[in-house]
Amino acid sequence: MHETAYEITTLTPQQPTPNPGLLPTEIPPGVQMVTLPGGIRTLAYTPQQAPPAPPIPVAQPIPTWAKTTALLTPTIGGGIAAAGIGLSYAAPGLIAMTDALWAAVALIAAAAIGIPMLLRISRTTAAGKSSTHITQNITATGMFGKANGTINHH
């Protein structure tokens, strides 16, 4: 067997940093350039630091509008329910009133059509009979004068 002897050397603080051709982007994760207590700079694994803890959420106060809305919701719902119950009790009366209103509208429409027809019929029957026409002529002189008039029968 053949053994090769290698010379072991140590660097002094005045000597350059080992691996001068190593770029900072080539350093693997977890490895950093550190300075030892003797002043020697070297690459070393450093302990991984735990990521910072997320901030603890602080309880926020409930906004005033949310409190007001929460307090008014049952009141509004109760009012709507009461209105619905009232309408259900009033429904038969409302139906009767609408029927009465429709009857009144029908009566007004019948009167608007029927009364002129009755007047027209009564005039035509009266025109067929002989009737007396009276004509009156009145004249007066002055503001406070005596009035004279004549009546003519035809």
C-alpha atoms as a PDB file:
ATOM      1  CA  MET A   1       0.000   0.000   0.000  1.00  0.00           C
ATOM      2  CA  HIS A   2       1.023   3.354  -0.886  1.00  0.00           C
ATOM      3  CA  GLU A   3       0.120   6.331   1.313  1.00  0.00           C
ATOM      4  CA  THR A   4       0.331   9.968   0.272  1.00  0.00           C
ATOM      5  CA  ALA A   5       1.070  12.500   2.922  1.00  0.00           C
ATOM      6  CA  TYR A   6      -0.753  15.812   2.794  1.00  0.00           C
ATOM      7  CA  GLU A   7       0.556  18.906   4.446  1.00  0.00           C
ATOM      8  CA  ILE A   8      -1.822  20.563   6.933  1.00  0.00           C
ATOM      9  CA  THR A   9      -1.594  24.296   7.142  1.00  0.00           C
ATOM     10  CA  THR A  10      -3.476  26.869   9.177  1.00  0.00           C
ATOM     11  CA  LEU A  11      -4.238  30.418   8.206  1.00  0.00           C
ATOM     12  CA  THR A  12      -3.210  33.318  10.297  1.00  0.00           C
ATOM     13  CA  PRO A  13      -5.418  36.432  10.628  1.00  0.00           C
ATOM     14  CA  GLN A  14      -3.243  38.316   8.133  1.00  0.00           C
ATOM     15  CA  GLN A  15      -3.831  35.759   5.366  1.00  0.00           C
ATOM     16  CA  PRO A  16      -6.748  36.194   2.886  1.00  0.00           C
ATOM     17  CA  THR A  17     -10.156  34.538   3.336  1.00  0.00           C
ATOM     18  CA  PRO A  18     -10.430  30.965   2.080  1.00  0.00           C
ATOM     19  CA  ASN A  19     -12.251  30.393  -1.229  1.00  0.00           C
ATOM     20  CA  PRO A  20     -11.720  33.905  -2.583  1.00  0.00           C
ATOM     21  CA  GLY A  21     -13.497  32.880  -5.810  1.00  0.00           C
ATOM     22  CA  LEU A  22     -16.803  32.000  -4.056  1.00  0.00           C
ATOM     23  CA  LEU A  23     -19.537  34.540  -4.837  1.00  0.00           C
ATOM     24  CA  PRO A  24     -22.131  35.480  -2.214  1.00  0.00           C
ATOM     25  CA  THR A  25     -24.869  34.068  -4.458  1.00  0.00           C
ATOM     26  CA  GLU A  26     -23.100  30.713  -4.482  1.00  0.00           C
ATOM     27  CA  ILE A  27     -23.238  30.328  -0.706  1.00  0.00           C
ATOM     28  CA  PRO A  28     -25.810  27.624   0.128  1.00  0.00           C
ATOM     29  CA  PRO A  29     -28.727  28.432   2.453  1.00  0.00           C
ATOM     30  CA  GLY A  30     -27.909  28.213   6.122  1.00  0.00           C
ATOM     31  CA  VAL A  31     -24.213  29.037   5.540  1.00  0.00           C
ATOM     32  CA  GLN A  32     -22.865  32.489   6.381  1.00  0.00           C
ATOM     33  CA  MET A  33     -19.518  34.221   6.504  1.00  0.00           C
ATOM     34  CA  VAL A  34     -18.635  34.517  10.207  1.00  0.00           C
ATOM     35  CA  THR A  35     -15.713  36.003  12.078  1.00  0.00           C
ATOM     36  CA  LEU A  36     -14.306  33.765  14.776  1.00  0.00           C
ATOM     37  CA  PRO A  37     -13.074  35.153  18.122  1.00  0.00           C
ATOM     38  CA  GLY A  38      -9.488  34.933  16.879  1.00  0.00           C
ATOM     39  CA  GLY A  39     -10.336  37.275  13.967  1.00  0.00           C
ATOM     40  CA  ILE A  40     -10.429  34.576  11.293  1.00  0.00           C
ATOM     41  CA  ARG A  41     -13.295  34.860   8.781  1.00  0.00           C
ATOM     42  CA  THR A  42     -14.749  31.605   7.573  1.00  0.00           C
ATOM     43  CA  LEU A  43     -17.931  30.010   6.252  1.00  0.00           C
ATOM     44  CA  ALA A  44     -20.062  28.332   8.904  1.00  0.00           C
ATOM     45  CA  TYR A  45     -23.498  26.854   9.341  1.00  0.00           C
ATOM     46  CA  THR A  46     -25.652  29.115  11.475  1.00  0.00           C
ATOM     47  CA  PRO A  47     -28.704  27.996  13.412  1.00  0.00           C
ATOM     48  CA  GLN A  48     -31.973  28.710  11.647  1.00  0.00           C
ATOM     49  CA  GLN A  49     -33.981  31.382  13.347  1.00  0.00           C
ATOM     50  CA  ALA A  50     -37.641  30.684  13.822  1.00  0.00           C
ATOM     51  CA  PRO A  51     -39.890  32.962  11.800  1.00  0.00           C
ATOM     52  CA  PRO A  52     -41.424  35.747  13.846  1.00  0.00           C
ATOM     53  CA  ALA A  53     -44.668  34.820  15.519  1.00  0.00           C
ATOM     54  CA  PRO A  54     -47.752  36.276  13.855  1.00  0.00           C
ATOM     55  CA  PRO A  55     -49.181  39.235  15.722  1.00  0.00           C
ATOM     56  CA  ILE A  56     -51.850  38.379  18.235  1.00  0.00           C
ATOM     57  CA  PRO A  57     -55.173  39.831  17.069  1.00  0.00           C
ATOM     58  CA  VAL A  58     -56.555  42.482  19.355  1.00  0.00           C
ATOM     59  CA  ALA A  59     -60.279  42.380  20.048  1.00  0.00           C
ATOM     60  CA  GLN A  60     -61.979  45.273  18.262  1.00  0.00           C
ATOM     61  CA  PRO A  61     -64.988  46.967  19.837  1.00  0.00           C
ATOM     62  CA  ILE A  62     -68.365  46.403  18.147  1.00  0.00           C
ATOM     63  CA  PRO A  63     -69.327  49.442  16.031  1.00  0.00           C
ATOM     64  CA  THR A  64     -72.285  51.512  17.180  1.00  0.00           C
ATOM     65  CA  TRP A  65     -74.196  50.996  13.923  1.00  0.00           C
ATOM     66  CA  ALA A  66     -73.984  47.215  14.409  1.00  0.00           C
ATOM     67  CA  LYS A  67     -75.349  47.469  17.953  1.00  0.00           C
ATOM     68  CA  THR A  68     -78.184  49.733  16.817  1.00  0.00           C
ATOM     69  CA  THR A  69     -79.077  47.417  13.946  1.00  0.00           C
ATOM     70  CA  ALA A  70     -79.032  44.397  16.225  1.00  0.00           C
ATOM     71  CA  LEU A  71     -81.346  46.130  18.682  1.00  0.00           C
ATOM     72  CA  LEU A  72     -83.765  47.398  16.027  1.00  0.00           C
ATOM     73  CA  THR A  73     -84.085  44.123  14.119  1.00  0.00           C
ATOM     74  CA  PRO A  74     -86.519  42.427  16.553  1.00  0.00           C
ATOM     75  CA  THR A  75     -88.530  45.649  16.862  1.00  0.00           C
ATOM     76  CA  ILE A  76     -88.914  46.023  13.105  1.00  0.00           C
ATOM     77  CA  GLY A  77     -89.724  42.329  12.710  1.00  0.00           C
ATOM     78  CA  GLY A  78     -92.335  42.540  15.459  1.00  0.00           C
ATOM     79  CA  GLY A  79     -93.905  45.591  13.813  1.00  0.00           C
ATOM     80  CA  ILE A  80     -94.120  43.821  10.472  1.00  0.00           C
ATOM     81  CA  ALA A  81     -95.667  40.772  12.151  1.00  0.00           C
ATOM     82  CA  ALA A  82     -98.229  42.948  13.958  1.00  0.00           C
ATOM     83  CA  ALA A  83     -99.119  44.693  10.684  1.00  0.00           C
ATOM     84  CA  GLY A  84     -99.593  41.326   9.003  1.00  0.00           C
ATOM     85  CA  ILE A  85    -101.869  40.091  11.781  1.00  0.00           C
ATOM     86  CA  GLY A  86    -103.871  43.328  11.649  1.00  0.00           C
ATOM     87  CA  LEU A  87    -104.323  43.014   7.889  1.00  0.00           C
ATOM     88  CA  SER A  88    -105.435  39.412   8.244  1.00  0.00           C
ATOM     89  CA  TYR A  89    -108.136  40.503  10.723  1.00  0.00           C
ATOM     90  CA  ALA A  90    -109.115  43.473   8.540  1.00  0.00           C
ATOM     91  CA  ALA A  91    -109.196  41.507   5.269  1.00  0.00           C
ATOM     92  CA  PRO A  92    -112.935  40.638   5.332  1.00  0.00           C
ATOM     93  CA  GLY A  93    -113.821  44.276   6.015  1.00  0.00           C
ATOM     94  CA  LEU A  94    -111.450  45.478   3.288  1.00  0.00           C
ATOM     95  CA  ILE A  95    -113.008  43.050   0.808  1.00  0.00           C
ATOM     96  CA  ALA A  96    -116.496  44.299   1.726  1.00  0.00           C
ATOM     97  CA  MET A  97    -115.387  47.921   1.320  1.00  0.00           C
ATOM     98  CA  THR A  98    -113.878  47.233  -2.106  1.00  0.00           C
ATOM     99  CA  ASP A  99    -117.120  45.551  -3.158  1.00  0.00           C
ATOM    100  CA  ALA A 100    -119.066  48.599  -1.950  1.00  0.00           C
ATOM    101  CA  LEU A 101    -116.690  50.933  -3.799  1.00  0.00           C
ATOM    102  CA  TRP A 102    -117.108  48.943  -7.025  1.00  0.00           C
ATOM    103  CA  ALA A 103    -120.878  49.099  -6.571  1.00  0.00           C
ATOM    104  CA  ALA A 104    -120.649  52.887  -6.103  1.00  0.00           C
ATOM    105  CA  VAL A 105    -118.528  53.185  -9.257  1.00  0.00           C
ATOM    106  CA  ALA A 106    -121.103  51.125 -11.183  1.00  0.00           C
ATOM    107  CA  LEU A 107    -123.927  53.339  -9.860  1.00  0.00           C
ATOM    108  CA  ILE A 108    -122.090  56.508 -10.889  1.00  0.00           C
ATOM    109  CA  ALA A 109    -121.397  55.073 -14.350  1.00  0.00           C
ATOM    110  CA  ALA A 110    -125.048  54.027 -14.746  1.00  0.00           C
ATOM    111  CA  ALA A 111    -126.215  57.474 -13.630  1.00  0.00           C
ATOM    112  CA  ALA A 112    -123.794  59.198 -16.026  1.00  0.00           C
ATOM    113  CA  ILE A 113    -125.205  57.157 -18.904  1.00  0.00           C
ATOM    114  CA  GLY A 114    -128.833  56.715 -17.796  1.00  0.00           C
ATOM    115  CA  ILE A 115    -129.840  60.243 -16.711  1.00  0.00           C
ATOM    116  CA  PRO A 116    -129.002  61.889 -20.067  1.00  0.00           C
ATOM    117  CA  MET A 117    -130.866  59.083 -21.866  1.00  0.00           C
ATOM    118  CA  LEU A 118    -133.954  59.594 -19.657  1.00  0.00           C
ATOM    119  CA  LEU A 119    -133.875  63.346 -20.289  1.00  0.00           C
ATOM    120  CA  ARG A 120    -133.560  62.810 -24.023  1.00  0.00           C
ATOM    121  CA  ILE A 121    -136.474  60.355 -24.034  1.00  0.00           C
ATOM    122  CA  SER A 122    -138.658  62.704 -21.973  1.00  0.00           C
ATOM    123  CA  ARG A 123    -137.919  65.621 -24.317  1.00  0.00           C
ATOM    124  CA  THR A 124    -138.810  63.654 -27.427  1.00  0.00           C
ATOM    125  CA  THR A 125    -142.140  62.532 -25.944  1.00  0.00           C
ATOM    126  CA  ALA A 126    -142.926  66.057 -24.790  1.00  0.00           C
ATOM    127  CA  ALA A 127    -142.105  67.477 -28.243  1.00  0.00           C
ATOM    128  CA  GLY A 128    -144.694  65.209 -29.834  1.00  0.00           C
ATOM    129  CA  LYS A 129    -147.498  66.832 -27.779  1.00  0.00           C
ATOM    130  CA  SER A 130    -148.668  70.391 -28.496  1.00  0.00           C
ATOM    131  CA  SER A 131    -147.286  72.743 -25.921  1.00  0.00           C
ATOM    132  CA  THR A 132    -147.885  76.391 -25.148  1.00  0.00           C
ATOM    133  CA  HIS A 133    -145.010  78.781 -25.630  1.00  0.00           C
ATOM    134  CA  ILE A 134    -145.004  81.925 -23.581  1.00  0.00           C
ATOM    135  CA  THR A 135    -142.882  84.884 -24.605  1.00  0.00           C
ATOM    136  CA  GLN A 136    -142.462  87.828 -22.267  1.00  0.00           C
ATOM    137  CA  ASN A 137    -141.068  91.234 -23.273  1.00  0.00           C
ATOM    138  CA  ILE A 138    -140.216  93.680 -20.511  1.00  0.00           C
ATOM    139  CA  THR A 139    -138.990  97.256 -21.016  1.00  0.00           C
ATOM    140  CA  ALA A 140    -138.059  99.874 -18.423  1.00  0.00           C
ATOM    141  CA  THR A 141    -136.898 103.491 -18.690  1.00  0.00           C
ATOM    142  CA  GLY A 142    -134.292 104.753 -16.286  1.00  0.00           C
ATOM    143  CA  MET A 143    -132.758 103.081 -13.372  1.00  0.00           C
ATOM    144  CA  PHE A 144    -135.808 103.348 -11.150  1.00  0.00           C
ATOM    145  CA  GLY A 145    -138.411 103.697 -13.888  1.00  0.00           C
ATOM    146  CA  LYS A 146    -141.620 101.707 -14.136  1.00  0.00           C
ATOM    147  CA  ALA A 147    -141.337  98.481 -16.139  1.00  0.00           C
ATOM    148  CA  ASN A 148    -143.898  97.562 -18.793  1.00  0.00           C
ATOM    149  CA  GLY A 149    -144.241  94.123 -20.310  1.00  0.00           C
ATOM    150  CA  THR A 150    -146.290  92.002 -22.648  1.00  0.00           C
ATOM    151  CA  ILE A 151    -146.978  88.270 -22.561  1.00  0.00           C
ATOM    152  CA  ASN A 152    -147.650  86.390 -25.800  1.00  0.00           C
ATOM    153  CA  HIS A 153    -149.141  82.912 -25.905  1.00  0.00           C
ATOM    154  CA  HIS A 154    -148.400  80.816 -28.982  1.00  0.00           C
END
